[in-house]
C-alpha atoms as a PDB file:
ATOM      1  CA  MET A   1     -21.262   3.078  -9.112  1.00  0.00           C
ATOM      2  CA  ARG A   2     -19.548   4.815 -11.993  1.00  0.00           C
ATOM      3  CA  SER A   3     -18.788   7.538  -9.814  1.00  0.00           C
ATOM      4  CA  ARG A   4     -16.501   5.376  -7.566  1.00  0.00           C
ATOM      5  CA  LEU A   5     -14.928   4.024 -10.687  1.00  0.00           C
ATOM      6  CA  GLN A   6     -13.927   7.598 -11.377  1.00  0.00           C
ATOM      7  CA  ARG A   7     -12.792   9.126  -8.008  1.00  0.00           C
ATOM      8  CA  PHE A   8     -10.460   5.687  -7.823  1.00  0.00           C
ATOM      9  CA  GLU A   9      -9.096   6.351 -11.318  1.00  0.00           C
ATOM     10  CA  SER A  10      -8.131  10.290 -10.569  1.00  0.00           C
ATOM     11  CA  THR A  11      -6.667   9.024  -7.486  1.00  0.00           C
ATOM     12  CA  ALA A  12      -4.763   6.209  -8.814  1.00  0.00           C
ATOM     13  CA  ALA A  13      -4.041   7.903 -12.168  1.00  0.00           C
ATOM     14  CA  PRO A  14      -0.813   9.906 -10.258  1.00  0.00           C
ATOM     15  CA  THR A  15       0.775   6.823  -9.128  1.00  0.00           C
ATOM     16  CA  SER A  16       0.175   4.713 -11.750  1.00  0.00           C
ATOM     17  CA  SER A  17       3.566   5.872 -13.457  1.00  0.00           C
ATOM     18  CA  GLY A  18       5.256   7.118 -10.397  1.00  0.00           C
ATOM     19  CA  ALA A  19       6.837   4.953  -7.350  1.00  0.00           C
ATOM     20  CA  VAL A  20       4.866   3.552  -4.490  1.00  0.00           C
ATOM     21  CA  THR A  21       5.742   2.148  -1.224  1.00  0.00           C
ATOM     22  CA  LEU A  22       4.012  -1.427  -0.228  1.00  0.00           C
ATOM     23  CA  VAL A  23       3.544  -1.519   3.338  1.00  0.00           C
ATOM     24  CA  ILE A  24       2.811  -4.547   5.198  1.00  0.00           C
ATOM     25  CA  TYR A  25       2.076  -4.405   9.038  1.00  0.00           C
ATOM     26  CA  GLU A  26       0.140  -7.532   9.654  1.00  0.00           C
ATOM     27  CA  TRP A  27       0.807 -11.339   8.864  1.00  0.00           C
ATOM     28  CA  ARG A  28      -0.728 -14.375   8.517  1.00  0.00           C
ATOM     29  CA  GLU A  29       0.861 -17.568  10.359  1.00  0.00           C
ATOM     30  CA  SER A  30       4.182 -16.309  10.807  1.00  0.00           C
ATOM     31  CA  GLN A  31       4.609 -12.455  12.319  1.00  0.00           C
ATOM     32  CA  PRO A  32       7.969 -10.728  10.946  1.00  0.00           C
ATOM     33  CA  GLY A  33       6.841  -7.423  11.593  1.00  0.00           C
ATOM     34  CA  THR A  34       6.334  -4.276   9.629  1.00  0.00           C
ATOM     35  CA  LEU A  35       7.849  -4.880   6.230  1.00  0.00           C
ATOM     36  CA  ALA A  36       7.777  -2.045   3.507  1.00  0.00           C
ATOM     37  CA  TRP A  37       9.448  -1.881  -0.034  1.00  0.00           C
ATOM     38  CA  VAL A  38       9.490   0.440  -2.953  1.00  0.00           C
ATOM     39  CA  PHE A  39       7.547  -0.513  -5.915  1.00  0.00           C
ATOM     40  CA  PRO A  40       7.766   1.788  -9.337  1.00  0.00           C
ATOM     41  CA  SER A  41       4.377   1.645 -10.044  1.00  0.00           C
ATOM     42  CA  LEU A  42       0.921   1.102  -8.138  1.00  0.00           C
ATOM     43  CA  ALA A  43       0.728  -2.542 -10.650  1.00  0.00           C
ATOM     44  CA  ALA A  44       3.769  -3.866  -9.749  1.00  0.00           C
ATOM     45  CA  ALA A  45       3.039  -3.139  -5.893  1.00  0.00           C
ATOM     46  CA  LEU A  46      -0.068  -5.007  -6.288  1.00  0.00           C
ATOM     47  CA  ARG A  47       1.587  -7.597  -8.121  1.00  0.00           C
ATOM     48  CA  ALA A  48       3.655  -8.145  -5.152  1.00  0.00           C
ATOM     49  CA  VAL A  49       1.294  -8.308  -2.416  1.00  0.00           C
ATOM     50  CA  ARG A  50      -0.870 -10.731  -4.381  1.00  0.00           C
ATOM     51  CA  ALA A  51       2.383 -13.090  -4.728  1.00  0.00           C
ATOM     52  CA  MET A  52       2.972 -13.205  -0.540  1.00  0.00           C
ATOM     53  CA  ARG A  53      -0.362 -14.616   0.277  1.00  0.00           C
ATOM     54  CA  ASN A  54       0.413 -14.442   4.306  1.00  0.00           C
ATOM     55  CA  ALA A  55       0.037 -10.951   3.966  1.00  0.00           C
ATOM     56  CA  LEU A  56      -3.254 -10.099   5.706  1.00  0.00           C
ATOM     57  CA  ARG A  57      -3.347  -6.212   6.196  1.00  0.00           C
ATOM     58  CA  TRP A  58      -1.107  -4.264   3.819  1.00  0.00           C
ATOM     59  CA  LEU A  59      -1.122  -0.652   2.390  1.00  0.00           C
ATOM     60  CA  ILE A  60       0.033   1.360  -0.580  1.00  0.00           C
ATOM     61  CA  VAL A  61       1.222   4.812  -0.199  1.00  0.00           C
ATOM     62  CA  ARG A  62       2.708   7.571  -2.741  1.00  0.00           C
ATOM     63  CA  GLY A  63       6.218   7.645  -3.244  1.00  0.00           C
ATOM     64  CA  LYS A  64       9.300   6.349  -1.656  1.00  0.00           C
ATOM     65  CA  ARG A  65       8.801   6.343   1.883  1.00  0.00           C
ATOM     66  CA  ALA A  66      10.983   5.431   5.008  1.00  0.00           C
ATOM     67  CA  VAL A  67       9.265   2.897   6.882  1.00  0.00           C
ATOM     68  CA  ASP A  68      11.036   1.146  10.132  1.00  0.00           C
ATOM     69  CA  ALA A  69       9.043  -1.573  12.873  1.00  0.00           C
ATOM     70  CA  GLU A  70       7.538   1.183  14.808  1.00  0.00           C
ATOM     71  CA  VAL A  71       5.434   2.540  11.554  1.00  0.00           C
ATOM     72  CA  ASP A  72       2.228   4.745  12.257  1.00  0.00           C
ATOM     73  CA  VAL A  73      -0.884   3.397   9.898  1.00  0.00           C
ATOM     74  CA  GLY A  74      -2.864   6.141  11.535  1.00  0.00           C
ATOM     75  CA  ALA A  75      -0.366   8.776  10.382  1.00  0.00           C
ATOM     76  CA  LEU A  76       0.159   7.241   7.228  1.00  0.00           C
ATOM     77  CA  ARG A  77      -3.456   7.394   6.476  1.00  0.00           C
ATOM     78  CA  ARG A  78      -3.939  11.130   7.639  1.00  0.00           C
ATOM     79  CA  SER A  79      -1.200  11.787   5.214  1.00  0.00           C
ATOM     80  CA  GLY A  80      -3.522  11.579   2.780  1.00  0.00           C
ATOM     81  CA  GLY A  81      -0.907   9.399   0.559  1.00  0.00           C
ATOM     82  CA  VAL A  82      -2.467   5.756   0.759  1.00  0.00           C
ATOM     83  CA  VAL A  83      -3.540   4.812  -2.402  1.00  0.00           C
ATOM     84  CA  ILE A  84      -5.216   1.816  -1.636  1.00  0.00           C
ATOM     85  CA  GLU A  85      -5.616  -0.375   1.561  1.00  0.00           C
ATOM     86  CA  ARG A  86      -6.620  -3.788   2.622  1.00  0.00           C
ATOM     87  CA  VAL A  87      -7.624  -4.649   6.003  1.00  0.00           C
ATOM     88  CA  VAL A  88      -9.631  -7.852   7.107  1.00  0.00           C
END
């Protein structure tokens, strides 16, 4: 258990003070499409996604990303910039 926590901390630590992009690509009930927002920190992005109770599948990537409706979630994963992802 400790090694998992250390890996998460080492991955998340550089992002905790830098900008991240929250990408929500699946919603419960309404389907507004893929939406993305830039936040100043990982903590701010997590607070925002918790407030959006209808966000079903989402991910947070390092840095500021321009994301359109045709976002390739697989490409974001392959880029190695995904910090946290929620897949239901």
